[in-house]
Amino acid sequence: MEIKEKLEIIQNAIEAKKGFDIDTIFIGEKSSIADYFVICSANNKSQAESIMDEVDEKLAVQGILPRRVEGKVTSNWIIMDYEDIIVHIFLSDDREYYNLERLWKNLEIESEE
């Protein structure tokens, strides 16, 4: 599957569970850990876990499983590692605190409205 198709599945899954402030950052030129970060916000822990489950389910249907998922217990910041794409699901306050977009500010950021 093409990476753009995977990004679309991830973004649609986030939107389906009412995730918001979705940013897609191409980090491939500056990092070897992945090609893209997809960052989104959730209002509460339950919603964050729901977004995580939806992303996991939609990609699993395509035969794509995460290499690792971190943060399921606390759910303030969930990280889903799909090798070429890393999905970050934050509670709003935590996203503001960690501000990953600032760290990658010189790279292209696509925001979903």
N, C-alpha and C. Protein backbone atom coordinates (compact mmCIF):
# COMPACT_ATOMS: atom_id res chain seq x y z
N MET A 1 0.84 -1.18 0.00
CA MET A 1 0.00 0.00 0.00
C MET A 1 0.89 1.24 0.00
N GLU A 2 0.50 2.22 -0.79
CA GLU A 2 1.24 3.48 -0.86
C GLU A 2 1.09 4.25 0.45
N ILE A 3 2.12 5.01 0.78
CA ILE A 3 2.11 5.75 2.04
C ILE A 3 0.99 6.78 2.09
N LYS A 4 0.68 7.41 0.96
CA LYS A 4 -0.41 8.40 0.92
C LYS A 4 -1.75 7.74 1.24
N GLU A 5 -1.94 6.50 0.80
CA GLU A 5 -3.17 5.77 1.13
C GLU A 5 -3.25 5.48 2.63
N LYS A 6 -2.13 5.09 3.22
CA LYS A 6 -2.10 4.86 4.66
C LYS A 6 -2.40 6.14 5.43
N LEU A 7 -1.83 7.25 4.98
CA LEU A 7 -2.10 8.53 5.63
C LEU A 7 -3.58 8.87 5.57
N GLU A 8 -4.19 8.63 4.43
CA GLU A 8 -5.62 8.93 4.27
C GLU A 8 -6.47 8.06 5.20
N ILE A 9 -6.13 6.78 5.31
CA ILE A 9 -6.86 5.88 6.22
C ILE A 9 -6.73 6.38 7.66
N ILE A 10 -5.53 6.76 8.05
CA ILE A 10 -5.29 7.25 9.41
C ILE A 10 -6.08 8.52 9.67
N GLN A 11 -6.00 9.47 8.76
CA GLN A 11 -6.72 10.74 8.93
C GLN A 11 -8.22 10.52 8.99
N ASN A 12 -8.75 9.66 8.13
CA ASN A 12 -10.19 9.37 8.15
C ASN A 12 -10.61 8.69 9.45
N ALA A 13 -9.77 7.80 9.96
CA ALA A 13 -10.08 7.12 11.23
C ALA A 13 -10.11 8.13 12.38
N ILE A 14 -9.17 9.05 12.38
CA ILE A 14 -9.14 10.09 13.42
C ILE A 14 -10.39 10.94 13.34
N GLU A 15 -10.73 11.37 12.14
CA GLU A 15 -11.93 12.20 11.96
C GLU A 15 -13.20 11.46 12.35
N ALA A 16 -13.25 10.15 12.08
CA ALA A 16 -14.44 9.36 12.41
C ALA A 16 -14.71 9.34 13.91
N LYS A 17 -13.67 9.46 14.70
CA LYS A 17 -13.82 9.46 16.16
C LYS A 17 -13.68 10.87 16.74
N LYS A 18 -13.87 11.86 15.86
CA LYS A 18 -13.91 13.27 16.27
C LYS A 18 -12.60 13.80 16.84
N GLY A 19 -11.48 13.19 16.40
CA GLY A 19 -10.19 13.77 16.73
C GLY A 19 -10.09 15.12 16.02
N PHE A 20 -9.28 16.01 16.54
CA PHE A 20 -9.21 17.34 15.94
C PHE A 20 -7.78 17.86 15.92
N ASP A 21 -7.60 19.03 15.27
CA ASP A 21 -6.27 19.63 15.08
C ASP A 21 -5.30 18.59 14.51
N ILE A 22 -5.69 17.99 13.41
CA ILE A 22 -4.88 16.94 12.79
C ILE A 22 -3.79 17.59 11.94
N ASP A 23 -2.54 17.30 12.27
CA ASP A 23 -1.40 17.78 11.50
C ASP A 23 -0.62 16.58 10.97
N THR A 24 -0.21 16.67 9.71
CA THR A 24 0.63 15.66 9.10
C THR A 24 1.95 16.33 8.75
N ILE A 25 3.04 15.80 9.29
CA ILE A 25 4.35 16.42 9.09
C ILE A 25 5.26 15.42 8.38
N PHE A 26 5.83 15.83 7.24
CA PHE A 26 6.80 15.01 6.54
C PHE A 26 8.15 15.21 7.22
N ILE A 27 8.65 14.18 7.89
CA ILE A 27 9.92 14.27 8.61
C ILE A 27 11.02 13.46 7.94
N GLY A 28 10.70 12.80 6.83
CA GLY A 28 11.62 11.88 6.18
C GLY A 28 12.96 12.47 5.81
N GLU A 29 13.01 13.76 5.50
CA GLU A 29 14.28 14.39 5.13
C GLU A 29 15.18 14.64 6.34
N LYS A 30 14.59 14.74 7.52
CA LYS A 30 15.34 15.11 8.72
C LYS A 30 15.48 13.98 9.73
N SER A 31 14.80 12.87 9.52
CA SER A 31 14.80 11.81 10.52
C SER A 31 14.75 10.44 9.86
N SER A 32 15.38 9.49 10.50
CA SER A 32 15.34 8.12 9.99
C SER A 32 14.29 7.27 10.72
N ILE A 33 13.58 7.85 11.70
CA ILE A 33 12.63 7.05 12.47
C ILE A 33 11.33 6.80 11.72
N ALA A 34 10.97 7.70 10.79
CA ALA A 34 9.73 7.55 10.02
C ALA A 34 9.74 8.57 8.90
N ASP A 35 8.78 8.45 8.00
CA ASP A 35 8.61 9.45 6.95
C ASP A 35 7.62 10.54 7.37
N TYR A 36 6.61 10.14 8.16
CA TYR A 36 5.57 11.09 8.55
C TYR A 36 5.22 10.94 10.02
N PHE A 37 4.86 12.06 10.63
CA PHE A 37 4.14 12.10 11.90
C PHE A 37 2.72 12.54 11.58
N VAL A 38 1.74 11.88 12.18
CA VAL A 38 0.36 12.37 12.17
C VAL A 38 0.04 12.67 13.63
N ILE A 39 -0.29 13.92 13.90
CA ILE A 39 -0.54 14.38 15.27
C ILE A 39 -1.98 14.85 15.37
N CYS A 40 -2.67 14.41 16.41
CA CYS A 40 -4.05 14.87 16.60
C CYS A 40 -4.33 15.06 18.08
N SER A 41 -5.45 15.72 18.36
CA SER A 41 -5.87 15.97 19.73
C SER A 41 -7.18 15.27 20.03
N ALA A 42 -7.36 14.96 21.31
CA ALA A 42 -8.61 14.37 21.81
C ALA A 42 -9.03 15.15 23.05
N ASN A 43 -10.31 15.14 23.33
CA ASN A 43 -10.84 15.88 24.48
C ASN A 43 -10.63 15.16 25.81
N ASN A 44 -10.56 13.82 25.78
CA ASN A 44 -10.44 13.06 27.02
C ASN A 44 -9.80 11.71 26.73
N LYS A 45 -9.48 10.97 27.79
CA LYS A 45 -8.80 9.68 27.64
C LYS A 45 -9.62 8.67 26.86
N SER A 46 -10.91 8.67 27.10
CA SER A 46 -11.79 7.73 26.40
C SER A 46 -11.76 7.99 24.90
N GLN A 47 -11.82 9.24 24.50
CA GLN A 47 -11.78 9.58 23.08
C GLN A 47 -10.42 9.22 22.49
N ALA A 48 -9.34 9.48 23.22
CA ALA A 48 -8.00 9.14 22.73
C ALA A 48 -7.89 7.64 22.47
N GLU A 49 -8.39 6.84 23.39
CA GLU A 49 -8.36 5.38 23.20
C GLU A 49 -9.25 4.95 22.05
N SER A 50 -10.38 5.63 21.87
CA SER A 50 -11.28 5.33 20.77
C SER A 50 -10.61 5.63 19.42
N ILE A 51 -9.89 6.74 19.35
CA ILE A 51 -9.15 7.08 18.13
C ILE A 51 -8.09 6.02 17.86
N MET A 52 -7.35 5.64 18.90
CA MET A 52 -6.33 4.61 18.76
C MET A 52 -6.93 3.31 18.22
N ASP A 53 -8.05 2.89 18.79
CA ASP A 53 -8.70 1.65 18.35
C ASP A 53 -9.16 1.75 16.90
N GLU A 54 -9.69 2.91 16.50
CA GLU A 54 -10.18 3.09 15.13
C GLU A 54 -9.04 3.05 14.13
N VAL A 55 -7.94 3.73 14.43
CA VAL A 55 -6.77 3.70 13.55
C VAL A 55 -6.27 2.26 13.42
N ASP A 56 -6.14 1.58 14.56
CA ASP A 56 -5.66 0.20 14.57
C ASP A 56 -6.57 -0.71 13.74
N GLU A 57 -7.87 -0.57 13.93
CA GLU A 57 -8.83 -1.42 13.22
C GLU A 57 -8.80 -1.18 11.72
N LYS A 58 -8.80 0.08 11.31
CA LYS A 58 -8.84 0.39 9.87
C LYS A 58 -7.57 -0.05 9.15
N LEU A 59 -6.42 0.08 9.80
CA LEU A 59 -5.19 -0.38 9.17
C LEU A 59 -5.07 -1.90 9.23
N ALA A 60 -5.55 -2.53 10.30
CA ALA A 60 -5.49 -3.99 10.42
C ALA A 60 -6.28 -4.66 9.30
N VAL A 61 -7.39 -4.05 8.91
CA VAL A 61 -8.19 -4.59 7.79
C VAL A 61 -7.35 -4.66 6.52
N GLN A 62 -6.40 -3.74 6.40
CA GLN A 62 -5.50 -3.71 5.24
C GLN A 62 -4.24 -4.57 5.46
N GLY A 63 -4.20 -5.27 6.58
CA GLY A 63 -3.05 -6.12 6.90
C GLY A 63 -1.87 -5.36 7.47
N ILE A 64 -2.13 -4.15 7.97
CA ILE A 64 -1.06 -3.31 8.51
C ILE A 64 -1.22 -3.24 10.03
N LEU A 65 -0.23 -3.74 10.73
CA LEU A 65 -0.25 -3.75 12.19
C LEU A 65 0.86 -2.84 12.72
N PRO A 66 0.64 -2.22 13.87
CA PRO A 66 1.69 -1.35 14.41
C PRO A 66 2.86 -2.17 14.91
N ARG A 67 4.04 -1.61 14.76
CA ARG A 67 5.24 -2.25 15.30
C ARG A 67 5.22 -2.14 16.82
N ARG A 68 4.69 -1.01 17.30
CA ARG A 68 4.62 -0.79 18.75
C ARG A 68 3.58 0.28 19.03
N VAL A 69 2.90 0.14 20.17
CA VAL A 69 1.97 1.16 20.66
C VAL A 69 2.37 1.48 22.10
N GLU A 70 2.55 2.75 22.39
CA GLU A 70 2.92 3.19 23.74
C GLU A 70 1.87 4.15 24.26
N GLY A 71 1.67 4.15 25.57
CA GLY A 71 0.80 5.13 26.21
C GLY A 71 -0.63 4.69 26.40
N LYS A 72 -0.95 3.42 26.17
CA LYS A 72 -2.34 2.97 26.31
C LYS A 72 -2.84 3.08 27.75
N VAL A 73 -1.98 2.91 28.71
CA VAL A 73 -2.41 2.91 30.11
C VAL A 73 -2.79 4.32 30.56
N THR A 74 -1.94 5.28 30.29
CA THR A 74 -2.22 6.65 30.73
C THR A 74 -3.09 7.39 29.74
N SER A 75 -2.92 7.13 28.48
CA SER A 75 -3.71 7.71 27.39
C SER A 75 -3.61 9.23 27.27
N ASN A 76 -2.69 9.88 27.97
CA ASN A 76 -2.48 11.31 27.76
C ASN A 76 -1.74 11.58 26.45
N TRP A 77 -0.93 10.59 26.04
CA TRP A 77 -0.18 10.69 24.79
C TRP A 77 0.02 9.26 24.30
N ILE A 78 -0.67 8.91 23.26
CA ILE A 78 -0.57 7.58 22.68
C ILE A 78 0.28 7.68 21.42
N ILE A 79 1.24 6.78 21.29
CA ILE A 79 2.11 6.74 20.12
C ILE A 79 1.92 5.39 19.44
N MET A 80 1.58 5.44 18.15
CA MET A 80 1.40 4.23 17.35
C MET A 80 2.46 4.23 16.25
N ASP A 81 3.35 3.26 16.27
CA ASP A 81 4.47 3.21 15.33
C ASP A 81 4.16 2.24 14.20
N TYR A 82 3.93 2.79 13.02
CA TYR A 82 3.69 1.99 11.82
C TYR A 82 4.90 2.02 10.88
N GLU A 83 6.08 2.16 11.43
CA GLU A 83 7.37 2.21 10.75
C GLU A 83 7.53 3.48 9.91
N ASP A 84 6.79 3.63 8.83
CA ASP A 84 6.94 4.82 8.00
C ASP A 84 6.05 5.97 8.45
N ILE A 85 5.08 5.69 9.30
CA ILE A 85 4.18 6.71 9.86
C ILE A 85 4.07 6.48 11.37
N ILE A 86 4.25 7.55 12.12
CA ILE A 86 4.05 7.48 13.57
C ILE A 86 2.87 8.38 13.91
N VAL A 87 1.88 7.80 14.57
CA VAL A 87 0.66 8.52 14.95
C VAL A 87 0.78 8.93 16.41
N HIS A 88 0.57 10.22 16.67
CA HIS A 88 0.59 10.77 18.03
C HIS A 88 -0.82 11.24 18.35
N ILE A 89 -1.41 10.69 19.41
CA ILE A 89 -2.74 11.09 19.86
C ILE A 89 -2.57 11.71 21.24
N PHE A 90 -2.86 13.00 21.34
CA PHE A 90 -2.66 13.74 22.59
C PHE A 90 -3.97 14.20 23.19
N LEU A 91 -4.01 14.29 24.51
CA LEU A 91 -5.01 15.14 25.15
C LEU A 91 -4.54 16.57 24.90
N SER A 92 -5.48 17.49 24.76
CA SER A 92 -5.15 18.86 24.33
C SER A 92 -4.06 19.52 25.16
N ASP A 93 -4.16 19.44 26.49
CA ASP A 93 -3.16 20.09 27.34
C ASP A 93 -1.77 19.50 27.14
N ASP A 94 -1.70 18.20 26.98
CA ASP A 94 -0.41 17.53 26.77
C ASP A 94 0.18 17.89 25.42
N ARG A 95 -0.68 18.01 24.41
CA ARG A 95 -0.18 18.40 23.09
C ARG A 95 0.42 19.79 23.15
N GLU A 96 -0.25 20.68 23.83
CA GLU A 96 0.26 22.05 23.97
C GLU A 96 1.59 22.04 24.73
N TYR A 97 1.68 21.22 25.76
CA TYR A 97 2.90 21.15 26.56
C TYR A 97 4.09 20.62 25.75
N TYR A 98 3.90 19.49 25.06
CA TYR A 98 5.00 18.87 24.32
C TYR A 98 5.28 19.57 22.99
N ASN A 99 4.26 20.12 22.37
CA ASN A 99 4.38 20.95 21.16
C ASN A 99 5.34 20.36 20.12
N LEU A 100 5.06 19.17 19.66
CA LEU A 100 5.92 18.51 18.66
C LEU A 100 6.06 19.34 17.39
N GLU A 101 5.02 20.06 17.04
CA GLU A 101 5.07 20.88 15.83
C GLU A 101 6.21 21.90 15.91
N ARG A 102 6.46 22.43 17.10
CA ARG A 102 7.55 23.39 17.28
C ARG A 102 8.90 22.74 16.98
N LEU A 103 9.06 21.50 17.39
CA LEU A 103 10.32 20.79 17.16
C LEU A 103 10.59 20.57 15.68
N TRP A 104 9.52 20.45 14.90
CA TRP A 104 9.63 20.18 13.47
C TRP A 104 9.18 21.38 12.64
N LYS A 105 9.25 22.60 13.21
CA LYS A 105 8.66 23.79 12.61
C LYS A 105 9.22 24.14 11.23
N ASN A 106 10.42 23.72 10.91
CA ASN A 106 11.00 24.04 9.61
C ASN A 106 10.58 23.08 8.51
N LEU A 107 9.76 22.10 8.86
CA LEU A 107 9.31 21.12 7.89
C LEU A 107 7.88 21.41 7.46
N GLU A 108 7.47 20.78 6.38
CA GLU A 108 6.13 20.99 5.84
C GLU A 108 5.08 20.34 6.73
N ILE A 109 4.13 21.15 7.19
CA ILE A 109 3.04 20.66 8.03
C ILE A 109 1.73 20.87 7.30
N GLU A 110 0.99 19.78 7.12
CA GLU A 110 -0.34 19.85 6.50
C GLU A 110 -1.37 19.73 7.61
N SER A 111 -2.21 20.74 7.73
CA SER A 111 -3.26 20.73 8.75
C SER A 111 -4.59 20.38 8.13
N GLU A 112 -5.33 19.49 8.80
CA GLU A 112 -6.69 19.14 8.37
C GLU A 112 -7.65 20.07 9.07
N GLU A 113 -8.54 20.67 8.33
CA GLU A 113 -9.54 21.58 8.93
C GLU A 113 -10.76 20.81 9.34
